[in-house]
């Protein structure tokens, strides 16, 4: 699989993991396995956390936020309020 194809599928894989975690919680709650339920819930929490991070890790930084290693510069307002200062 090429890297380009993988990046396009990353959010889909992450959301699938989140839904899998919800299914695991439902099965664990249905079985009422006592202390073994804790293991099911811990696994579901780990899968859900990893899926959440996997889903939203490709969101770019907003244009007004300086990236790592960049000095903050002047920001011009996009709504045109600088004309009111004149």
Protein backbone atom coordinates (compact mmCIF):
# COMPACT_ATOMS: atom_id res chain seq x y z
CA UNK A 1 0.00 0.00 0.00
CA UNK A 2 1.37 3.39 -0.96
CA UNK A 3 1.69 6.08 1.69
CA UNK A 4 -0.82 8.30 -0.13
CA UNK A 5 -3.49 5.59 0.03
CA UNK A 6 -2.81 4.98 3.71
CA UNK A 7 -3.21 8.66 4.65
CA UNK A 8 -6.57 8.76 2.90
CA UNK A 9 -7.81 5.77 4.90
CA UNK A 10 -6.47 6.86 8.30
CA UNK A 11 -9.72 8.53 9.51
CA UNK A 12 -11.76 5.55 8.32
CA UNK A 13 -9.52 3.13 10.22
CA UNK A 14 -9.66 5.31 13.34
CA UNK A 15 -13.45 5.55 13.34
CA UNK A 16 -13.70 1.80 12.78
CA UNK A 17 -11.59 1.33 15.89
CA UNK A 18 -13.86 3.65 17.89
CA UNK A 19 -16.97 1.74 16.78
CA UNK A 20 -15.23 -1.55 17.56
CA UNK A 21 -14.52 -0.27 21.06
CA UNK A 22 -18.20 0.63 21.48
CA UNK A 23 -19.16 -2.87 20.37
CA UNK A 24 -16.68 -4.37 22.83
CA UNK A 25 -18.22 -2.33 25.65
CA UNK A 26 -21.69 -3.53 24.65
CA UNK A 27 -20.61 -7.18 24.64
CA UNK A 28 -18.75 -6.80 27.93
CA UNK A 29 -21.76 -5.15 29.57
CA UNK A 30 -24.08 -7.87 28.25
CA UNK A 31 -21.94 -10.75 29.54
CA UNK A 32 -21.56 -9.43 33.13
CA UNK A 33 -18.37 -11.46 33.58
CA UNK A 34 -17.51 -9.99 36.97
CA UNK A 35 -13.87 -9.04 37.37
CA UNK A 36 -13.15 -10.07 33.79
CA UNK A 37 -15.32 -7.17 32.67
CA UNK A 38 -12.58 -4.81 33.84
CA UNK A 39 -10.24 -6.35 31.27
CA UNK A 40 -12.86 -5.86 28.54
CA UNK A 41 -13.40 -2.24 29.52
CA UNK A 42 -9.66 -1.53 29.66
CA UNK A 43 -9.14 -3.03 26.21
CA UNK A 44 -12.10 -1.02 24.88
CA UNK A 45 -10.70 2.18 26.41
CA UNK A 46 -7.31 1.58 24.82
CA UNK A 47 -8.81 0.82 21.41
CA UNK A 48 -11.09 3.87 21.62
CA UNK A 49 -8.25 6.21 22.62
CA UNK A 50 -5.95 4.91 19.89
CA UNK A 51 -8.80 5.14 17.34
CA UNK A 52 -9.62 8.71 18.37
CA UNK A 53 -5.99 9.79 17.98
CA UNK A 54 -5.72 7.86 14.71
CA UNK A 55 -8.83 9.62 13.39
CA UNK A 56 -7.83 13.21 14.15
CA UNK A 57 -4.04 13.12 13.80
CA UNK A 58 -4.04 14.41 10.22
CA UNK A 59 -5.87 17.66 10.96
CA UNK A 60 -3.55 20.50 9.89
CA UNK A 61 -2.75 23.41 12.16
CA UNK A 62 -4.97 26.44 11.53
CA UNK A 63 -3.41 29.14 9.34
CA UNK A 64 -3.39 31.67 12.18
CA UNK A 65 -1.44 29.37 14.50
CA UNK A 66 2.33 29.35 14.06
CA UNK A 67 3.76 25.88 13.59
CA UNK A 68 6.59 24.39 15.62
CA UNK A 69 9.77 26.40 15.25
CA UNK A 70 8.03 29.42 13.70
CA UNK A 71 8.00 32.83 15.31
CA UNK A 72 4.57 34.36 15.82
CA UNK A 73 4.04 37.11 13.30
CA UNK A 74 1.47 39.83 12.78
CA UNK A 75 -1.97 38.52 12.01
CA UNK A 76 -4.20 40.53 9.72
CA UNK A 77 -7.89 40.15 10.50
CA UNK A 78 -9.91 38.47 7.79
CA UNK A 79 -13.08 40.42 8.58
CA UNK A 80 -11.70 43.77 7.41
CA UNK A 81 -11.73 45.41 10.83
CA UNK A 82 -8.40 47.09 10.13
CA UNK A 83 -10.26 49.63 7.98
CA UNK A 84 -12.04 50.82 11.15
CA UNK A 85 -8.68 51.81 12.67
CA UNK A 86 -8.06 54.50 10.04
